[in-house]
Amino acid sequence: MRYVLVLVLVLLACLAAAPAEASGRIRYVALGDSSAAGPLIPDQIDATCLRSNRNWPHVLAGRLGATLTDVTCSGATTADLSGRQAGIVAPQFDALRRDTDLVTLAIAANDIVLSSAFVTCASPDGPVVPSCRDQYTTGGVDQFQARIAATAPKVAAALAEIHRRSPAARVVVVGYLTYWQPGGCYPADPYTAADANYIQATFDRLMVMLAGQAARTKASYVDIRNPSARHGLCAAPATRWLEGAVPASPAYPYHPNAAGMAAAAAIIAAAGVAR
């Protein structure tokens, strides 16, 4: 009887200690900015970071059957990965563990303050003067290009730190969805053809940098820009993955909507990130 009792206790202890290992569930940590957080997409689960439970990290985790720790936060820069964002949000790197299996990172648009172009280059009442390109060119130097170059080593350092903290994890850098096809759709969207082309080209240069830093640090890069080309701001509301100045579905202006988040998750999953 005593032997049976001891055996039962041992079995119960094993069952209590083993679920995570036995289930084989992927331990997944999502890092990044509003492009991953999903501001204003219902349901919002973090009022400070404007994080949605229908953002692409959540949808991806569901597809993979993963255990998710989502610390994406609207407005985040590379500095907020290791430091406290606005003095109140814990460093995103605090979520990383040595046994983390998968890490996704969506970052850098805020490092180059690309959101400023959406404010200063909008032309609801006619083309702005000077043009967007001219506004962001000083002494013949494109300020966004200079900022992208300055951000590259910050991204590289962030990826190196992710590898250090989670040495067994697959690290995946995710880009940004397409905003405009060439020429935009002015005046339906308040950016002239030249300005829409300029802002999209800046996003594209940013993503080239991200892909390059991923390759240099043995991380993977997932392109969601090309698969989303027909689903940008000029697409019909039913097929749009991003919302414009007046959103047709719940989302922060000039950010992904729920359809865009679901599509991004499908693209990332199809890239085989769980392998």
Protein backbone atom coordinates (compact mmCIF):
# COMPACT_ATOMS: atom_id res chain seq x y z
CA MET A 1 0.00 0.00 0.00
CA ARG A 2 2.82 2.33 0.92
CA TYR A 3 4.54 1.52 -2.39
CA VAL A 4 1.36 2.30 -4.33
CA LEU A 5 0.97 5.64 -2.51
CA VAL A 6 4.56 6.62 -3.27
CA LEU A 7 4.11 5.64 -6.92
CA VAL A 8 0.93 7.72 -7.21
CA LEU A 9 2.65 10.74 -5.66
CA VAL A 10 5.59 10.41 -8.04
CA LEU A 11 3.26 10.19 -11.04
CA LEU A 12 1.29 13.23 -9.90
CA ALA A 13 4.50 15.21 -9.45
CA CYS A 14 5.63 14.28 -12.96
CA LEU A 15 2.30 15.28 -14.44
CA ALA A 16 2.39 18.63 -12.64
CA ALA A 17 5.92 19.41 -13.78
CA ALA A 18 5.71 18.34 -17.40
CA PRO A 19 2.82 20.01 -19.27
CA ALA A 20 4.85 22.62 -21.18
CA GLU A 21 7.44 20.11 -22.29
CA ALA A 22 5.01 17.29 -22.99
CA SER A 23 2.63 19.43 -25.01
CA GLY A 24 5.37 20.54 -27.38
CA ARG A 25 3.81 24.00 -27.58
CA ILE A 26 6.00 26.66 -29.13
CA ARG A 27 7.01 29.40 -26.70
CA TYR A 28 6.54 32.53 -28.77
CA VAL A 29 7.45 36.14 -27.89
CA ALA A 30 6.24 39.02 -30.09
CA LEU A 31 8.21 42.28 -30.02
CA GLY A 32 7.51 45.45 -31.95
CA ASP A 33 5.55 48.59 -32.70
CA SER A 34 1.99 49.48 -33.69
CA SER A 35 2.25 47.63 -37.01
CA ALA A 36 2.13 44.47 -34.90
CA ALA A 37 0.22 45.74 -31.85
CA GLY A 38 -2.98 46.67 -33.72
CA PRO A 39 -4.17 49.99 -32.25
CA LEU A 40 -7.97 50.39 -32.08
CA ILE A 41 -8.68 46.93 -33.54
CA PRO A 42 -11.18 45.29 -31.16
CA ASP A 43 -10.70 43.85 -28.68
CA GLN A 44 -8.06 46.09 -27.13
CA ILE A 45 -6.28 44.21 -24.33
CA ASP A 46 -3.72 46.84 -23.32
CA ALA A 47 -4.83 50.46 -23.14
CA THR A 48 -1.29 51.81 -22.77
CA CYS A 49 0.16 50.03 -25.79
CA LEU A 50 -3.08 49.94 -27.81
CA ARG A 51 -2.63 46.21 -28.29
CA SER A 52 -5.33 44.05 -29.86
CA ASN A 53 -6.08 40.39 -29.30
CA ARG A 54 -6.62 40.17 -33.08
CA ASN A 55 -3.21 41.49 -34.07
CA TRP A 56 -1.01 39.30 -36.23
CA PRO A 57 1.03 37.90 -33.30
CA HIS A 58 -2.17 36.60 -31.70
CA VAL A 59 -3.49 35.22 -34.99
CA LEU A 60 -0.10 33.65 -35.74
CA ALA A 61 0.08 32.07 -32.30
CA GLY A 62 -3.35 30.55 -32.89
CA ARG A 63 -2.23 29.14 -36.23
CA LEU A 64 0.91 27.65 -34.68
CA GLY A 65 -0.71 26.44 -31.49
CA ALA A 66 1.90 28.50 -29.67
CA THR A 67 2.00 29.94 -26.18
CA LEU A 68 2.23 33.68 -26.81
CA THR A 69 3.81 36.49 -24.82
CA ASP A 70 2.88 39.62 -26.77
CA VAL A 71 4.67 42.80 -25.66
CA THR A 72 4.24 44.77 -28.89
CA CYS A 73 3.50 48.41 -28.15
CA SER A 74 2.31 51.30 -30.29
CA GLY A 75 4.98 53.97 -30.67
CA ALA A 76 7.85 51.65 -29.81
CA THR A 77 11.36 52.27 -31.13
CA THR A 78 14.45 50.09 -30.88
CA ALA A 79 15.30 51.95 -27.65
CA ASP A 80 12.10 50.63 -26.08
CA LEU A 81 13.20 47.05 -26.57
CA SER A 82 15.80 47.46 -23.82
CA GLY A 83 14.45 50.55 -22.01
CA ARG A 84 11.15 51.63 -20.47
CA GLN A 85 8.87 53.16 -23.11
CA ALA A 86 7.60 56.57 -21.98
CA GLY A 87 8.95 55.67 -18.55
CA ILE A 88 6.04 53.33 -17.83
CA VAL A 89 6.11 50.35 -20.20
CA ALA A 90 8.57 47.61 -19.25
CA PRO A 91 11.41 46.87 -21.68
CA GLN A 92 10.15 44.45 -24.29
CA PHE A 93 13.28 42.33 -23.92
CA ASP A 94 12.11 41.42 -20.39
CA ALA A 95 9.74 38.94 -22.05
CA LEU A 96 12.57 36.90 -23.56
CA ARG A 97 13.62 33.64 -21.89
CA ARG A 98 16.37 31.14 -22.56
CA ASP A 99 13.73 28.56 -23.49
CA THR A 100 11.88 30.85 -25.93
CA ASP A 101 11.38 29.04 -29.25
CA LEU A 102 10.22 31.83 -31.57
CA VAL A 103 10.66 35.61 -31.55
CA THR A 104 9.13 38.01 -34.06
CA LEU A 105 10.29 41.61 -34.34
CA ALA A 106 8.47 44.42 -36.17
CA ILE A 107 10.30 47.69 -35.54
CA ALA A 108 12.06 50.79 -36.93
CA ALA A 109 9.40 53.02 -38.54
CA ASN A 110 9.26 55.04 -35.33
CA ASP A 111 13.04 55.25 -35.14
CA ILE A 112 13.03 57.24 -38.36
CA VAL A 113 9.85 59.14 -37.34
CA LEU A 114 8.16 58.14 -40.59
CA SER A 115 4.77 59.00 -39.10
CA SER A 116 5.67 62.69 -39.45
CA ALA A 117 5.34 62.39 -43.23
CA PHE A 118 1.71 61.31 -42.87
CA VAL A 119 1.07 64.61 -41.07
CA THR A 120 3.14 67.13 -43.00
CA CYS A 121 2.61 65.70 -46.48
CA ALA A 122 -1.17 65.27 -46.46
CA SER A 123 -2.86 67.40 -49.13
CA PRO A 124 -6.62 67.39 -48.49
CA ASP A 125 -7.01 70.87 -50.00
CA GLY A 126 -4.53 70.61 -52.88
CA PRO A 127 -0.85 69.67 -53.28
CA VAL A 128 1.36 70.85 -50.45
CA VAL A 129 4.32 73.07 -51.22
CA PRO A 130 7.07 72.12 -50.83
CA SER A 131 6.62 68.48 -51.81
CA CYS A 132 7.14 65.70 -49.29
CA ARG A 133 10.55 64.90 -50.75
CA ASP A 134 11.60 68.55 -50.54
CA GLN A 135 10.36 68.83 -46.96
CA TYR A 136 12.61 65.97 -45.91
CA THR A 137 15.69 66.92 -47.92
CA THR A 138 18.29 69.14 -46.27
CA GLY A 139 21.50 70.15 -48.00
CA GLY A 140 20.81 67.60 -50.70
CA VAL A 141 20.52 64.78 -48.13
CA ASP A 142 17.27 62.84 -47.72
CA GLN A 143 16.67 62.89 -43.98
CA PHE A 144 14.75 59.61 -43.97
CA GLN A 145 17.58 57.85 -45.78
CA ALA A 146 20.02 59.24 -43.23
CA ARG A 147 17.81 58.06 -40.38
CA ILE A 148 17.50 54.59 -41.91
CA ALA A 149 21.29 54.35 -42.08
CA ALA A 150 21.55 55.47 -38.45
CA THR A 151 18.92 52.93 -37.38
CA ALA A 152 20.59 49.93 -39.05
CA PRO A 153 23.16 49.33 -36.27
CA LYS A 154 20.39 49.68 -33.67
CA VAL A 155 18.41 46.92 -35.36
CA ALA A 156 21.55 44.77 -35.58
CA ALA A 157 22.23 45.30 -31.87
CA ALA A 158 18.64 44.43 -31.01
CA LEU A 159 18.80 41.20 -32.99
CA ALA A 160 22.11 40.27 -31.37
CA GLU A 161 20.58 40.81 -27.93
CA ILE A 162 17.57 38.66 -28.82
CA HIS A 163 19.93 35.85 -29.85
CA ARG A 164 21.86 36.28 -26.59
CA ARG A 165 18.80 36.16 -24.38
CA SER A 166 17.03 33.40 -26.30
CA PRO A 167 19.85 31.41 -27.91
CA ALA A 168 17.65 28.55 -29.15
CA ALA A 169 14.92 30.75 -30.61
CA ARG A 170 14.14 31.25 -34.26
CA VAL A 171 14.23 35.02 -34.75
CA VAL A 172 12.01 36.50 -37.46
CA VAL A 173 11.98 40.14 -38.58
CA VAL A 174 8.69 41.19 -40.18
CA GLY A 175 8.35 44.16 -42.52
CA TYR A 176 5.44 46.50 -43.20
CA LEU A 177 2.35 46.16 -45.40
CA THR A 178 2.07 48.06 -48.69
CA TYR A 179 0.54 51.51 -48.31
CA TRP A 180 0.29 52.59 -51.95
CA GLN A 181 0.82 51.16 -55.39
CA PRO A 182 2.64 53.58 -57.74
CA GLY A 183 0.70 56.81 -58.12
CA GLY A 184 -1.52 56.46 -55.06
CA CYS A 185 -5.17 57.46 -55.48
CA TYR A 186 -5.36 61.19 -54.86
CA PRO A 187 -7.74 62.79 -53.92
CA ALA A 188 -9.55 59.73 -52.52
CA ASP A 189 -6.51 59.43 -50.27
CA PRO A 190 -5.01 62.84 -49.42
CA TYR A 191 -1.49 62.25 -50.77
CA THR A 192 -0.50 63.30 -54.26
CA ALA A 193 1.05 60.75 -56.59
CA ALA A 194 4.52 62.17 -55.98
CA ASP A 195 4.11 62.24 -52.21
CA ALA A 196 2.55 58.77 -52.00
CA ASN A 197 5.38 57.39 -54.12
CA TYR A 198 7.94 59.10 -51.89
CA ILE A 199 6.52 57.79 -48.61
CA GLN A 200 6.12 54.26 -50.01
CA ALA A 201 9.69 54.36 -51.36
CA THR A 202 10.87 55.35 -47.89
CA PHE A 203 9.06 52.37 -46.38
CA ASP A 204 10.66 50.19 -49.04
CA ARG A 205 14.16 51.46 -48.23
CA LEU A 206 13.46 50.84 -44.56
CA MET A 207 12.48 47.25 -45.31
CA VAL A 208 15.59 46.66 -47.42
CA MET A 209 17.60 47.70 -44.38
CA LEU A 210 15.61 45.39 -42.09
CA ALA A 211 16.08 42.44 -44.44
CA GLY A 212 19.80 43.15 -44.63
CA GLN A 213 20.23 43.32 -40.86
CA ALA A 214 18.24 40.12 -40.44
CA ALA A 215 20.53 38.31 -42.88
CA ARG A 216 23.66 39.63 -41.16
CA THR A 217 22.54 38.44 -37.74
CA LYS A 218 21.26 34.98 -38.73
CA ALA A 219 17.63 35.98 -38.35
CA SER A 220 14.90 35.38 -40.93
CA TYR A 221 13.02 38.13 -42.73
CA VAL A 222 9.40 37.83 -43.84
CA ASP A 223 8.24 40.15 -46.61
CA ILE A 224 4.61 41.16 -46.20
CA ARG A 225 4.98 44.15 -48.52
CA ASN A 226 4.77 42.35 -51.88
CA PRO A 227 1.88 40.00 -50.96
CA SER A 228 -0.12 43.02 -49.79
CA ALA A 229 0.44 45.15 -52.90
CA ARG A 230 -3.21 44.95 -54.04
CA HIS A 231 -4.59 45.55 -50.55
CA GLY A 232 -3.25 49.00 -49.70
CA LEU A 233 -4.99 52.28 -48.96
CA CYS A 234 -6.45 52.57 -52.46
CA ALA A 235 -8.15 49.17 -52.43
CA ALA A 236 -11.89 48.81 -51.91
CA PRO A 237 -12.85 48.68 -48.20
CA ALA A 238 -13.72 44.99 -48.46
CA THR A 239 -10.22 44.08 -49.70
CA ARG A 240 -8.18 46.72 -47.87
CA TRP A 241 -5.59 45.60 -45.29
CA LEU A 242 -4.78 49.11 -44.11
CA GLU A 243 -7.05 51.98 -43.16
CA GLY A 244 -6.62 55.57 -44.27
CA ALA A 245 -7.53 58.94 -42.79
CA VAL A 246 -11.16 57.88 -42.27
CA PRO A 247 -11.11 54.17 -41.39
CA ALA A 248 -13.85 52.00 -42.89
CA SER A 249 -13.24 49.35 -40.23
CA PRO A 250 -11.91 49.72 -36.68
CA ALA A 251 -8.22 50.58 -36.81
CA TYR A 252 -5.95 53.52 -36.18
CA PRO A 253 -5.55 55.69 -39.31
CA TYR A 254 -2.77 54.51 -41.61
CA HIS A 255 -2.42 51.23 -39.75
CA PRO A 256 -3.44 47.62 -40.45
CA ASN A 257 -7.04 46.58 -39.88
CA ALA A 258 -8.17 43.16 -38.66
CA ALA A 259 -8.14 41.75 -42.20
CA GLY A 260 -4.59 42.99 -42.65
CA MET A 261 -3.54 41.40 -39.38
CA ALA A 262 -5.07 38.07 -40.35
CA ALA A 263 -3.42 38.23 -43.77
CA ALA A 264 -0.04 39.12 -42.29
CA ALA A 265 -0.29 36.17 -39.90
CA ALA A 266 -1.08 33.83 -42.81
CA ILE A 267 1.92 35.12 -44.79
CA ILE A 268 4.25 34.74 -41.81
CA ALA A 269 2.95 31.25 -41.04
CA ALA A 270 3.39 30.22 -44.68
CA ALA A 271 7.03 31.30 -44.44
CA GLY A 272 7.58 28.35 -42.12
CA VAL A 273 8.56 30.32 -39.03
CA ALA A 274 7.83 27.37 -36.74
CA ARG A 275 10.35 25.08 -38.40
